[in-house]
Amino acid sequence: MRDLDQYSEAELEALLAEEGWDEPLAPVHRQQLKPWQQVVFWGLRIYVVIMCVIVLWAFTAGVHA
C-alpha cells in the first residue's frame, strides 16, 4: 500500500470522483421524535443525573472515610 504522497494529483482526483467524495453530502434534518421516545430520552437523562449524584456521593464518602 502506497502512502498518500506517492499518488499523483490525477490519481487522487480520479479516486475521489470514482468513490463519489467530490459530491456534496445529502442534507441532514432533525428527526421529530414520537412522544414515547421523548419520554424515554427524558428518563435516560434523569437516570444519568441520578447515577452521577450517586457516584459523587460515594466518592466523597470514600474520601472522608
C-alpha atoms as a PDB file:
ATOM      1  CA  MET A   1       0.000   0.000   0.000  1.00  0.00           C
ATOM      2  CA  ARG A   2       1.367   3.357  -1.003  1.00  0.00           C
ATOM      3  CA  ASP A   3       1.422   6.478   1.102  1.00  0.00           C
ATOM      4  CA  LEU A   4      -0.777   9.383   0.107  1.00  0.00           C
ATOM      5  CA  ASP A   5       2.155  11.453  -1.130  1.00  0.00           C
ATOM      6  CA  GLN A   6       3.136   8.663  -3.548  1.00  0.00           C
ATOM      7  CA  TYR A   7      -0.026   9.180  -5.643  1.00  0.00           C
ATOM      8  CA  SER A   8      -0.183  11.748  -8.414  1.00  0.00           C
ATOM      9  CA  GLU A   9      -2.727  14.546  -8.341  1.00  0.00           C
ATOM     10  CA  ALA A  10      -4.622  12.976 -11.259  1.00  0.00           C
ATOM     11  CA  GLU A  11      -4.815   9.596  -9.487  1.00  0.00           C
ATOM     12  CA  LEU A  12      -6.205  11.225  -6.360  1.00  0.00           C
ATOM     13  CA  GLU A  13      -8.796  13.199  -8.315  1.00  0.00           C
ATOM     14  CA  ALA A  14      -9.839  10.051 -10.213  1.00  0.00           C
ATOM     15  CA  LEU A  15     -10.209   8.132  -6.944  1.00  0.00           C
ATOM     16  CA  LEU A  16     -12.268  10.901  -5.357  1.00  0.00           C
ATOM     17  CA  ALA A  17     -14.559  11.048  -8.402  1.00  0.00           C
ATOM     18  CA  GLU A  18     -14.868   7.247  -8.554  1.00  0.00           C
ATOM     19  CA  GLU A  19     -15.803   6.989  -4.882  1.00  0.00           C
ATOM     20  CA  GLY A  20     -18.151   9.984  -5.026  1.00  0.00           C
ATOM     21  CA  TRP A  21     -16.255  12.012  -2.420  1.00  0.00           C
ATOM     22  CA  ASP A  22     -16.283  15.117  -4.607  1.00  0.00           C
ATOM     23  CA  GLU A  23     -20.086  15.346  -4.397  1.00  0.00           C
ATOM     24  CA  PRO A  24     -21.757  17.262  -1.562  1.00  0.00           C
ATOM     25  CA  LEU A  25     -23.345  15.237   1.216  1.00  0.00           C
ATOM     26  CA  ALA A  26     -27.085  14.806   1.416  1.00  0.00           C
ATOM     27  CA  PRO A  27     -28.742  17.302   3.773  1.00  0.00           C
ATOM     28  CA  VAL A  28     -29.468  16.072   7.281  1.00  0.00           C
ATOM     29  CA  HIS A  29     -32.635  17.218   9.002  1.00  0.00           C
ATOM     30  CA  ARG A  30     -33.694  16.966  12.613  1.00  0.00           C
ATOM     31  CA  GLN A  31     -35.969  13.983  13.213  1.00  0.00           C
ATOM     32  CA  GLN A  32     -39.153  14.662  15.144  1.00  0.00           C
ATOM     33  CA  LEU A  33     -39.432  12.145  17.978  1.00  0.00           C
ATOM     34  CA  LYS A  34     -42.662  10.477  18.978  1.00  0.00           C
ATOM     35  CA  PRO A  35     -43.975  11.306  22.459  1.00  0.00           C
ATOM     36  CA  TRP A  36     -42.984   7.903  23.892  1.00  0.00           C
ATOM     37  CA  GLN A  37     -39.460   8.373  22.537  1.00  0.00           C
ATOM     38  CA  GLN A  38     -39.227  11.779  24.196  1.00  0.00           C
ATOM     39  CA  VAL A  39     -40.329  10.227  27.494  1.00  0.00           C
ATOM     40  CA  VAL A  40     -37.661   7.523  27.165  1.00  0.00           C
ATOM     41  CA  PHE A  41     -34.927  10.077  26.488  1.00  0.00           C
ATOM     42  CA  TRP A  42     -36.020  12.246  29.406  1.00  0.00           C
ATOM     43  CA  GLY A  43     -35.963   9.129  31.574  1.00  0.00           C
ATOM     44  CA  LEU A  44     -32.413   8.414  30.432  1.00  0.00           C
ATOM     45  CA  ARG A  45     -31.364  11.982  31.237  1.00  0.00           C
ATOM     46  CA  ILE A  46     -32.835  11.698  34.725  1.00  0.00           C
ATOM     47  CA  TYR A  47     -31.151   8.300  35.182  1.00  0.00           C
ATOM     48  CA  VAL A  48     -27.763   9.731  34.194  1.00  0.00           C
ATOM     49  CA  VAL A  49     -28.139  12.645  36.616  1.00  0.00           C
ATOM     50  CA  ILE A  50     -29.118  10.298  39.458  1.00  0.00           C
ATOM     51  CA  MET A  51     -26.164   7.994  38.691  1.00  0.00           C
ATOM     52  CA  CYS A  52     -23.771  10.977  38.665  1.00  0.00           C
ATOM     53  CA  VAL A  53     -25.113  12.094  42.060  1.00  0.00           C
ATOM     54  CA  ILE A  54     -24.661   8.572  43.458  1.00  0.00           C
ATOM     55  CA  VAL A  55     -21.097   8.356  42.123  1.00  0.00           C
ATOM     56  CA  LEU A  56     -20.212  11.768  43.568  1.00  0.00           C
ATOM     57  CA  TRP A  57     -21.766  10.845  46.912  1.00  0.00           C
ATOM     58  CA  ALA A  58     -19.866   7.533  47.002  1.00  0.00           C
ATOM     59  CA  PHE A  59     -16.617   9.255  46.027  1.00  0.00           C
ATOM     60  CA  THR A  60     -16.933  11.938  48.695  1.00  0.00           C
ATOM     61  CA  ALA A  61     -17.937   9.351  51.310  1.00  0.00           C
ATOM     62  CA  GLY A  62     -14.909   7.242  50.382  1.00  0.00           C
ATOM     63  CA  VAL A  63     -12.527  10.209  50.557  1.00  0.00           C
ATOM     64  CA  HIS A  64     -13.749  11.150  54.039  1.00  0.00           C
ATOM     65  CA  ALA A  65     -13.763   7.596  55.398  1.00  0.00           C
END
